[in-house]
Amino acid sequence: MSTLHVLSHSPFGDDRLTSCLRLIGSADALLLSGDSVYALQPGTAPFTDLQSRQIKLFVLAEDAQARAIEVPDWAEAIDYPAFVELSIHHDKVNSWL
């Protein structure tokens, strides 16, 4: 079974990203939305953690653009219809509220 993990909170305000990365499985994927896209700021601990994990990482392009965050080549920028497709593709969706 695969899970799509959805994060929307800044990685600098709490430990949701760290907890998610501890639990994420090899068949799972992670979607960054809202303020969680700040994890993609180069030179930060969250950026390094994400880059080193080699997980399937997706980013809502609209949220990255709104925050002037460049999506690295090891992540995939998607739109809302693609988010729906990801949700359908995975067995479960876990929103880290």
PDB file of N, CA and C in Angstrom:
ATOM      1  N   MET A   1       0.841  -1.194   0.000  1.00  0.00           N
ATOM      2  CA  MET A   1       0.000   0.000   0.000  1.00  0.00           C
ATOM      3  C   MET A   1       0.880   1.249   0.000  1.00  0.00           C
ATOM      4  N   SER A   2       0.495   2.201  -0.812  1.00  0.00           N
ATOM      5  CA  SER A   2       1.257   3.446  -0.870  1.00  0.00           C
ATOM      6  C   SER A   2       0.436   4.587  -0.280  1.00  0.00           C
ATOM      7  N   THR A   3       1.149   5.549   0.261  1.00  0.00           N
ATOM      8  CA  THR A   3       0.517   6.709   0.883  1.00  0.00           C
ATOM      9  C   THR A   3       1.087   7.980   0.280  1.00  0.00           C
ATOM     10  N   LEU A   4       0.197   8.920   0.005  1.00  0.00           N
ATOM     11  CA  LEU A   4       0.606  10.262  -0.370  1.00  0.00           C
ATOM     12  C   LEU A   4       0.566  11.099   0.906  1.00  0.00           C
ATOM     13  N   HIS A   5       1.712  11.587   1.318  1.00  0.00           N
ATOM     14  CA  HIS A   5       1.814  12.438   2.499  1.00  0.00           C
ATOM     15  C   HIS A   5       1.738  13.893   2.036  1.00  0.00           C
ATOM     16  N   VAL A   6       0.864  14.661   2.653  1.00  0.00           N
ATOM     17  CA  VAL A   6       0.656  16.055   2.256  1.00  0.00           C
ATOM     18  C   VAL A   6       1.013  16.961   3.428  1.00  0.00           C
ATOM     19  N   LEU A   7       1.992  17.826   3.195  1.00  0.00           N
ATOM     20  CA  LEU A   7       2.412  18.796   4.205  1.00  0.00           C
ATOM     21  C   LEU A   7       2.069  20.193   3.727  1.00  0.00           C
ATOM     22  N   SER A   8       1.608  21.046   4.659  1.00  0.00           N
ATOM     23  CA  SER A   8       1.285  22.422   4.282  1.00  0.00           C
ATOM     24  C   SER A   8       1.860  23.454   5.249  1.00  0.00           C
ATOM     25  N   HIS A   9       2.471  23.019   6.330  1.00  0.00           N
ATOM     26  CA  HIS A   9       3.012  23.941   7.331  1.00  0.00           C
ATOM     27  C   HIS A   9       4.523  24.123   7.148  1.00  0.00           C
ATOM     28  N   SER A  10       5.008  25.286   7.514  1.00  0.00           N
ATOM     29  CA  SER A  10       6.432  25.588   7.406  1.00  0.00           C
ATOM     30  C   SER A  10       7.258  24.588   8.213  1.00  0.00           C
ATOM     31  N   PRO A  11       8.353  24.109   7.653  1.00  0.00           N
ATOM     32  CA  PRO A  11       9.214  23.182   8.393  1.00  0.00           C
ATOM     33  C   PRO A  11      10.009  23.884   9.487  1.00  0.00           C
ATOM     34  N   PHE A  12       9.919  25.203   9.556  1.00  0.00           N
ATOM     35  CA  PHE A  12      10.670  25.955  10.552  1.00  0.00           C
ATOM     36  C   PHE A  12       9.836  26.271  11.788  1.00  0.00           C
ATOM     37  N   GLY A  13       8.567  25.839  11.790  1.00  0.00           N
ATOM     38  CA  GLY A  13       7.694  26.120  12.925  1.00  0.00           C
ATOM     39  C   GLY A  13       7.398  24.922  13.802  1.00  0.00           C
ATOM     40  N   ASP A  14       7.593  23.715  13.262  1.00  0.00           N
ATOM     41  CA  ASP A  14       7.313  22.505  14.038  1.00  0.00           C
ATOM     42  C   ASP A  14       8.061  21.320  13.421  1.00  0.00           C
ATOM     43  N   ASP A  15       7.749  20.122  13.891  1.00  0.00           N
ATOM     44  CA  ASP A  15       8.478  18.919  13.471  1.00  0.00           C
ATOM     45  C   ASP A  15       7.701  18.019  12.523  1.00  0.00           C
ATOM     46  N   ARG A  16       6.667  18.534  11.878  1.00  0.00           N
ATOM     47  CA  ARG A  16       5.866  17.688  10.991  1.00  0.00           C
ATOM     48  C   ARG A  16       6.710  17.053   9.884  1.00  0.00           C
ATOM     49  N   LEU A  17       7.558  17.841   9.241  1.00  0.00           N
ATOM     50  CA  LEU A  17       8.382  17.300   8.155  1.00  0.00           C
ATOM     51  C   LEU A  17       9.307  16.199   8.675  1.00  0.00           C
ATOM     52  N   THR A  18       9.945  16.429   9.797  1.00  0.00           N
ATOM     53  CA  THR A  18      10.838  15.433  10.391  1.00  0.00           C
ATOM     54  C   THR A  18      10.083  14.149  10.705  1.00  0.00           C
ATOM     55  N   SER A  19       8.901  14.279  11.294  1.00  0.00           N
ATOM     56  CA  SER A  19       8.089  13.101  11.619  1.00  0.00           C
ATOM     57  C   SER A  19       7.664  12.363  10.359  1.00  0.00           C
ATOM     58  N   CYS A  20       7.271  13.104   9.350  1.00  0.00           N
ATOM     59  CA  CYS A  20       6.854  12.511   8.091  1.00  0.00           C
ATOM     60  C   CYS A  20       8.007  11.735   7.455  1.00  0.00           C
ATOM     61  N   LEU A  21       9.181  12.330   7.434  1.00  0.00           N
ATOM     62  CA  LEU A  21      10.331  11.664   6.819  1.00  0.00           C
ATOM     63  C   LEU A  21      10.734  10.394   7.567  1.00  0.00           C
ATOM     64  N   ARG A  22      10.449  10.340   8.859  1.00  0.00           N
ATOM     65  CA  ARG A  22      10.726   9.121   9.627  1.00  0.00           C
ATOM     66  C   ARG A  22       9.790   7.985   9.224  1.00  0.00           C
ATOM     67  N   LEU A  23       8.556   8.340   8.834  1.00  0.00           N
ATOM     68  CA  LEU A  23       7.537   7.326   8.561  1.00  0.00           C
ATOM     69  C   LEU A  23       7.362   6.970   7.089  1.00  0.00           C
ATOM     70  N   ILE A  24       7.829   7.813   6.210  1.00  0.00           N
ATOM     71  CA  ILE A  24       7.549   7.621   4.786  1.00  0.00           C
ATOM     72  C   ILE A  24       8.204   6.343   4.265  1.00  0.00           C
ATOM     73  N   GLY A  25       7.444   5.598   3.492  1.00  0.00           N
ATOM     74  CA  GLY A  25       7.935   4.336   2.948  1.00  0.00           C
ATOM     75  C   GLY A  25       8.425   4.482   1.523  1.00  0.00           C
ATOM     76  N   SER A  26       9.042   3.448   1.011  1.00  0.00           N
ATOM     77  CA  SER A  26       9.636   3.504  -0.325  1.00  0.00           C
ATOM     78  C   SER A  26       8.596   3.640  -1.434  1.00  0.00           C
ATOM     79  N   ALA A  27       7.373   3.192  -1.194  1.00  0.00           N
ATOM     80  CA  ALA A  27       6.309   3.307  -2.196  1.00  0.00           C
ATOM     81  C   ALA A  27       5.511   4.602  -2.034  1.00  0.00           C
ATOM     82  N   ASP A  28       5.813   5.361  -0.999  1.00  0.00           N
ATOM     83  CA  ASP A  28       5.069   6.584  -0.696  1.00  0.00           C
ATOM     84  C   ASP A  28       5.595   7.782  -1.476  1.00  0.00           C
ATOM     85  N   ALA A  29       4.833   8.860  -1.416  1.00  0.00           N
ATOM     86  CA  ALA A  29       5.240  10.124  -2.024  1.00  0.00           C
ATOM     87  C   ALA A  29       4.919  11.245  -1.051  1.00  0.00           C
ATOM     88  N   LEU A  30       5.590  12.372  -1.236  1.00  0.00           N
ATOM     89  CA  LEU A  30       5.391  13.543  -0.386  1.00  0.00           C
ATOM     90  C   LEU A  30       5.033  14.726  -1.272  1.00  0.00           C
ATOM     91  N   LEU A  31       3.974  15.429  -0.883  1.00  0.00           N
ATOM     92  CA  LEU A  31       3.561  16.644  -1.590  1.00  0.00           C
ATOM     93  C   LEU A  31       3.711  17.826  -0.647  1.00  0.00           C
ATOM     94  N   LEU A  32       4.498  18.812  -1.074  1.00  0.00           N
ATOM     95  CA  LEU A  32       4.639  20.054  -0.318  1.00  0.00           C
ATOM     96  C   LEU A  32       3.674  21.083  -0.884  1.00  0.00           C
ATOM     97  N   SER A  33       2.899  21.697   0.008  1.00  0.00           N
ATOM     98  CA  SER A  33       1.966  22.743  -0.395  1.00  0.00           C
ATOM     99  C   SER A  33       2.019  23.845   0.652  1.00  0.00           C
ATOM    100  N   GLY A  34       1.416  24.970   0.342  1.00  0.00           N
ATOM    101  CA  GLY A  34       1.395  26.078   1.297  1.00  0.00           C
ATOM    102  C   GLY A  34       2.795  26.438   1.755  1.00  0.00           C
ATOM    103  N   ASP A  35       2.923  26.739   3.051  1.00  0.00           N
ATOM    104  CA  ASP A  35       4.208  27.163   3.604  1.00  0.00           C
ATOM    105  C   ASP A  35       5.249  26.045   3.692  1.00  0.00           C
ATOM    106  N   SER A  36       4.841  24.811   3.479  1.00  0.00           N
ATOM    107  CA  SER A  36       5.834  23.728   3.531  1.00  0.00           C
ATOM    108  C   SER A  36       6.837  23.824   2.385  1.00  0.00           C
ATOM    109  N   VAL A  37       6.514  24.578   1.333  1.00  0.00           N
ATOM    110  CA  VAL A  37       7.460  24.729   0.224  1.00  0.00           C
ATOM    111  C   VAL A  37       8.727  25.467   0.661  1.00  0.00           C
ATOM    112  N   TYR A  38       8.678  26.153   1.804  1.00  0.00           N
ATOM    113  CA  TYR A  38       9.890  26.800   2.323  1.00  0.00           C
ATOM    114  C   TYR A  38      10.979  25.778   2.640  1.00  0.00           C
ATOM    115  N   ALA A  39      10.615  24.508   2.729  1.00  0.00           N
ATOM    116  CA  ALA A  39      11.610  23.452   2.939  1.00  0.00           C
ATOM    117  C   ALA A  39      12.579  23.355   1.767  1.00  0.00           C
ATOM    118  N   LEU A  40      12.229  23.960   0.644  1.00  0.00           N
ATOM    119  CA  LEU A  40      13.072  23.890  -0.550  1.00  0.00           C
ATOM    120  C   LEU A  40      14.042  25.055  -0.672  1.00  0.00           C
ATOM    121  N   GLN A  41      14.228  25.793   0.402  1.00  0.00           N
ATOM    122  CA  GLN A  41      15.227  26.867   0.395  1.00  0.00           C
ATOM    123  C   GLN A  41      16.612  26.238   0.517  1.00  0.00           C
ATOM    124  N   PRO A  42      17.442  26.400  -0.526  1.00  0.00           N
ATOM    125  CA  PRO A  42      18.781  25.807  -0.489  1.00  0.00           C
ATOM    126  C   PRO A  42      19.579  26.267   0.734  1.00  0.00           C
ATOM    127  N   GLY A  43      20.372  25.343   1.257  1.00  0.00           N
ATOM    128  CA  GLY A  43      21.225  25.661   2.396  1.00  0.00           C
ATOM    129  C   GLY A  43      20.566  25.466   3.745  1.00  0.00           C
ATOM    130  N   THR A  44      19.292  25.050   3.758  1.00  0.00           N
ATOM    131  CA  THR A  44      18.603  24.831   5.026  1.00  0.00           C
ATOM    132  C   THR A  44      18.600  23.340   5.364  1.00  0.00           C
ATOM    133  N   ALA A  45      18.397  23.034   6.633  1.00  0.00           N
ATOM    134  CA  ALA A  45      18.339  21.632   7.063  1.00  0.00           C
ATOM    135  C   ALA A  45      17.202  20.871   6.375  1.00  0.00           C
ATOM    136  N   PRO A  46      15.995  21.444   6.266  1.00  0.00           N
ATOM    137  CA  PRO A  46      14.932  20.704   5.568  1.00  0.00           C
ATOM    138  C   PRO A  46      15.292  20.385   4.114  1.00  0.00           C
ATOM    139  N   PHE A  47      15.919  21.327   3.425  1.00  0.00           N
ATOM    140  CA  PHE A  47      16.337  21.112   2.039  1.00  0.00           C
ATOM    141  C   PHE A  47      17.295  19.931   1.963  1.00  0.00           C
ATOM    142  N   THR A  48      18.288  19.928   2.834  1.00  0.00           N
ATOM    143  CA  THR A  48      19.276  18.848   2.864  1.00  0.00           C
ATOM    144  C   THR A  48      18.621  17.513   3.178  1.00  0.00           C
ATOM    145  N   ASP A  49      17.698  17.501   4.144  1.00  0.00           N
ATOM    146  CA  ASP A  49      16.992  16.265   4.500  1.00  0.00           C
ATOM    147  C   ASP A  49      16.214  15.711   3.316  1.00  0.00           C
ATOM    148  N   LEU A  50      15.488  16.591   2.615  1.00  0.00           N
ATOM    149  CA  LEU A  50      14.695  16.151   1.474  1.00  0.00           C
ATOM    150  C   LEU A  50      15.578  15.660   0.332  1.00  0.00           C
ATOM    151  N   GLN A  51      16.644  16.382   0.062  1.00  0.00           N
ATOM    152  CA  GLN A  51      17.534  16.031  -1.033  1.00  0.00           C
ATOM    153  C   GLN A  51      18.215  14.683  -0.786  1.00  0.00           C
ATOM    154  N   SER A  52      18.598  14.431   0.436  1.00  0.00           N
ATOM    155  CA  SER A  52      19.333  13.200   0.743  1.00  0.00           C
ATOM    156  C   SER A  52      18.434  11.968   0.822  1.00  0.00           C
ATOM    157  N   ARG A  53      17.144  12.155   1.013  1.00  0.00           N
ATOM    158  CA  ARG A  53      16.232  11.022   1.193  1.00  0.00           C
ATOM    159  C   ARG A  53      15.863  10.319  -0.101  1.00  0.00           C
ATOM    160  N   GLN A  54      15.958  10.980  -1.226  1.00  0.00           N
ATOM    161  CA  GLN A  54      15.602  10.400  -2.516  1.00  0.00           C
ATOM    162  C   GLN A  54      14.190   9.812  -2.509  1.00  0.00           C
ATOM    163  N   ILE A  55      13.237  10.606  -2.037  1.00  0.00           N
ATOM    164  CA  ILE A  55      11.839  10.199  -2.041  1.00  0.00           C
ATOM    165  C   ILE A  55      11.137  10.806  -3.243  1.00  0.00           C
ATOM    166  N   LYS A  56       9.965  10.305  -3.549  1.00  0.00           N
ATOM    167  CA  LYS A  56       9.145  10.895  -4.612  1.00  0.00           C
ATOM    168  C   LYS A  56       8.558  12.184  -4.044  1.00  0.00           C
ATOM    169  N   LEU A  57       9.074  13.313  -4.510  1.00  0.00           N
ATOM    170  CA  LEU A  57       8.695  14.610  -3.958  1.00  0.00           C
ATOM    171  C   LEU A  57       7.980  15.454  -5.000  1.00  0.00           C
ATOM    172  N   PHE A  58       6.801  15.926  -4.627  1.00  0.00           N
ATOM    173  CA  PHE A  58       6.003  16.790  -5.475  1.00  0.00           C
ATOM    174  C   PHE A  58       5.776  18.114  -4.755  1.00  0.00           C
ATOM    175  N   VAL A  59       5.630  19.168  -5.537  1.00  0.00           N
ATOM    176  CA  VAL A  59       5.443  20.507  -4.983  1.00  0.00           C
ATOM    177  C   VAL A  59       4.338  21.193  -5.769  1.00  0.00           C
ATOM    178  N   LEU A  60       3.388  21.780  -5.067  1.00  0.00           N
ATOM    179  CA  LEU A  60       2.368  22.552  -5.777  1.00  0.00           C
ATOM    180  C   LEU A  60       3.029  23.792  -6.368  1.00  0.00           C
ATOM    181  N   ALA A  61       3.070  23.842  -7.685  1.00  0.00           N
ATOM    182  CA  ALA A  61       3.775  24.918  -8.391  1.00  0.00           C
ATOM    183  C   ALA A  61       3.249  26.295  -7.998  1.00  0.00           C
ATOM    184  N   GLU A  62       1.955  26.411  -7.845  1.00  0.00           N
ATOM    185  CA  GLU A  62       1.341  27.697  -7.482  1.00  0.00           C
ATOM    186  C   GLU A  62       1.868  28.206  -6.141  1.00  0.00           C
ATOM    187  N   ASP A  63       2.031  27.315  -5.177  1.00  0.00           N
ATOM    188  CA  ASP A  63       2.512  27.709  -3.851  1.00  0.00           C
ATOM    189  C   ASP A  63       3.997  28.071  -3.886  1.00  0.00           C
ATOM    190  N   ALA A  64       4.784  27.329  -4.651  1.00  0.00           N
ATOM    191  CA  ALA A  64       6.210  27.658  -4.788  1.00  0.00           C
ATOM    192  C   ALA A  64       6.365  29.017  -5.473  1.00  0.00           C
ATOM    193  N   GLN A  65       5.601  29.242  -6.517  1.00  0.00           N
ATOM    194  CA  GLN A  65       5.679  30.509  -7.245  1.00  0.00           C
ATOM    195  C   GLN A  65       5.266  31.678  -6.356  1.00  0.00           C
ATOM    196  N   ALA A  66       4.212  31.505  -5.565  1.00  0.00           N
ATOM    197  CA  ALA A  66       3.735  32.570  -4.681  1.00  0.00           C
ATOM    198  C   ALA A  66       4.769  32.957  -3.635  1.00  0.00           C
ATOM    199  N   ARG A  67       5.673  32.018  -3.298  1.00  0.00           N
ATOM    200  CA  ARG A  67       6.688  32.260  -2.279  1.00  0.00           C
ATOM    201  C   ARG A  67       8.084  32.445  -2.877  1.00  0.00           C
ATOM    202  N   ALA A  68       8.135  32.560  -4.197  1.00  0.00           N
ATOM    203  CA  ALA A  68       9.399  32.758  -4.921  1.00  0.00           C
ATOM    204  C   ALA A  68      10.415  31.657  -4.586  1.00  0.00           C
ATOM    205  N   ILE A  69       9.934  30.419  -4.497  1.00  0.00           N
ATOM    206  CA  ILE A  69      10.784  29.262  -4.214  1.00  0.00           C
ATOM    207  C   ILE A  69      10.990  28.492  -5.514  1.00  0.00           C
ATOM    208  N   GLU A  70      12.233  28.251  -5.858  1.00  0.00           N
ATOM    209  CA  GLU A  70      12.544  27.477  -7.059  1.00  0.00           C
ATOM    210  C   GLU A  70      12.465  25.989  -6.729  1.00  0.00           C
ATOM    211  N   VAL A  71      11.768  25.260  -7.577  1.00  0.00           N
ATOM    212  CA  VAL A  71      11.637  23.819  -7.383  1.00  0.00           C
ATOM    213  C   VAL A  71      12.879  23.139  -7.972  1.00  0.00           C
ATOM    214  N   PRO A  72      13.624  22.396  -7.144  1.00  0.00           N
ATOM    215  CA  PRO A  72      14.848  21.742  -7.644  1.00  0.00           C
ATOM    216  C   PRO A  72      14.512  20.639  -8.643  1.00  0.00           C
ATOM    217  N   ASP A  73      15.496  20.239  -9.403  1.00  0.00           N
ATOM    218  CA  ASP A  73      15.269  19.227 -10.438  1.00  0.00           C
ATOM    219  C   ASP A  73      14.959  17.843  -9.877  1.00  0.00           C
ATOM    220  N   TRP A  74      15.210  17.593  -8.597  1.00  0.00           N
ATOM    221  CA  TRP A  74      14.910  16.300  -7.988  1.00  0.00           C
ATOM    222  C   TRP A  74      13.505  16.253  -7.386  1.00  0.00           C
ATOM    223  N   ALA A  75      12.727  17.329  -7.594  1.00  0.00           N
ATOM    224  CA  ALA A  75      11.323  17.372  -7.187  1.00  0.00           C
ATOM    225  C   ALA A  75      10.497  17.715  -8.419  1.00  0.00           C
ATOM    226  N   GLU A  76       9.215  17.414  -8.361  1.00  0.00           N
ATOM    227  CA  GLU A  76       8.345  17.693  -9.503  1.00  0.00           C
ATOM    228  C   GLU A  76       7.280  18.711  -9.127  1.00  0.00           C
ATOM    229  N   ALA A  77       7.239  19.802  -9.868  1.00  0.00           N
ATOM    230  CA  ALA A  77       6.207  20.822  -9.673  1.00  0.00           C
ATOM    231  C   ALA A  77       4.932  20.355 -10.371  1.00  0.00           C
ATOM    232  N   ILE A  78       3.819  20.419  -9.648  1.00  0.00           N
ATOM    233  CA  ILE A  78       2.545  19.967 -10.214  1.00  0.00           C
ATOM    234  C   ILE A  78       1.467  21.019  -9.972  1.00  0.00           C
ATOM    235  N   ASP A  79       0.360  20.872 -10.700  1.00  0.00           N
ATOM    236  CA  ASP A  79      -0.792  21.749 -10.508  1.00  0.00           C
ATOM    237  C   ASP A  79      -1.878  20.981  -9.738  1.00  0.00           C
ATOM    238  N   TYR A  80      -3.020  21.634  -9.518  1.00  0.00           N
ATOM    239  CA  TYR A  80      -4.074  20.992  -8.730  1.00  0.00           C
ATOM    240  C   TYR A  80      -4.679  19.746  -9.398  1.00  0.00           C
ATOM    241  N   PRO A  81      -4.892  19.740 -10.718  1.00  0.00           N
ATOM    242  CA  PRO A  81      -5.372  18.491 -11.326  1.00  0.00           C
ATOM    243  C   PRO A  81      -4.394  17.322 -11.125  1.00  0.00           C
ATOM    244  N   ALA A  82      -3.100  17.598 -11.173  1.00  0.00           N
ATOM    245  CA  ALA A  82      -2.110  16.541 -10.927  1.00  0.00           C
ATOM    246  C   ALA A  82      -2.150  16.089  -9.467  1.00  0.00           C
ATOM    247  N   PHE A  83      -2.451  17.000  -8.557  1.00  0.00           N
ATOM    248  CA  PHE A  83      -2.612  16.650  -7.144  1.00  0.00           C
ATOM    249  C   PHE A  83      -3.760  15.652  -6.988  1.00  0.00           C
ATOM    250  N   VAL A  84      -4.854  15.892  -7.685  1.00  0.00           N
ATOM    251  CA  VAL A  84      -5.989  14.971  -7.637  1.00  0.00           C
ATOM    252  C   VAL A  84      -5.572  13.606  -8.170  1.00  0.00           C
ATOM    253  N   GLU A  85      -4.826  13.596  -9.278  1.00  0.00           N
ATOM    254  CA  GLU A  85      -4.341  12.338  -9.844  1.00  0.00           C
ATOM    255  C   GLU A  85      -3.445  11.586  -8.863  1.00  0.00           C
ATOM    256  N   LEU A  86      -2.563  12.316  -8.189  1.00  0.00           N
ATOM    257  CA  LEU A  86      -1.709  11.683  -7.170  1.00  0.00           C
ATOM    258  C   LEU A  86      -2.548  11.051  -6.066  1.00  0.00           C
ATOM    259  N   SER A  87      -3.576  11.762  -5.645  1.00  0.00           N
ATOM    260  CA  SER A  87      -4.458  11.266  -4.576  1.00  0.00           C
ATOM    261  C   SER A  87      -5.149   9.972  -4.994  1.00  0.00           C
ATOM    262  N   ILE A  88      -5.550   9.913  -6.252  1.00  0.00           N
ATOM    263  CA  ILE A  88      -6.221   8.718  -6.765  1.00  0.00           C
ATOM    264  C   ILE A  88      -5.225   7.565  -6.926  1.00  0.00           C
ATOM    265  N   HIS A  89      -4.013   7.887  -7.337  1.00  0.00           N
ATOM    266  CA  HIS A  89      -2.984   6.875  -7.590  1.00  0.00           C
ATOM    267  C   HIS A  89      -2.550   6.143  -6.315  1.00  0.00           C
ATOM    268  N   HIS A  90      -2.541   6.842  -5.187  1.00  0.00           N
ATOM    269  CA  HIS A  90      -2.099   6.233  -3.928  1.00  0.00           C
ATOM    270  C   HIS A  90      -3.279   5.631  -3.177  1.00  0.00           C
ATOM    271  N   ASP A  91      -2.976   4.600  -2.389  1.00  0.00           N
ATOM    272  CA  ASP A  91      -4.027   3.920  -1.631  1.00  0.00           C
ATOM    273  C   ASP A  91      -4.598   4.792  -0.521  1.00  0.00           C
ATOM    274  N   LYS A  92      -3.728   5.607   0.088  1.00  0.00           N
ATOM    275  CA  LYS A  92      -4.152   6.475   1.187  1.00  0.00           C
ATOM    276  C   LYS A  92      -3.542   7.857   0.999  1.00  0.00           C
ATOM    277  N   VAL A  93      -4.204   8.848   1.579  1.00  0.00           N
ATOM    278  CA  VAL A  93      -3.664  10.210   1.638  1.00  0.00           C
ATOM    279  C   VAL A  93      -3.622  10.605   3.103  1.00  0.00           C
ATOM    280  N   ASN A  94      -2.439  11.009   3.547  1.00  0.00           N
ATOM    281  CA  ASN A  94      -2.261  11.430   4.936  1.00  0.00           C
ATOM    282  C   ASN A  94      -1.883  12.905   4.964  1.00  0.00           C
ATOM    283  N   SER A  95      -2.810  13.741   5.418  1.00  0.00           N
ATOM    284  CA  SER A  95      -2.535  15.172   5.549  1.00  0.00           C
ATOM    285  C   SER A  95      -1.993  15.435   6.944  1.00  0.00           C
ATOM    286  N   TRP A  96      -0.811  15.998   6.997  1.00  0.00           N
ATOM    287  CA  TRP A  96      -0.165  16.284   8.274  1.00  0.00           C
ATOM    288  C   TRP A  96      -0.664  17.638   8.778  1.00  0.00           C
ATOM    289  N   LEU A  97      -1.808  17.612   9.440  1.00  0.00           N
ATOM    290  CA  LEU A  97      -2.449  18.844   9.904  1.00  0.00           C
ATOM    291  C   LEU A  97      -1.839  19.406  11.146  1.00  0.00           C
TER     292      LEU A  97
END
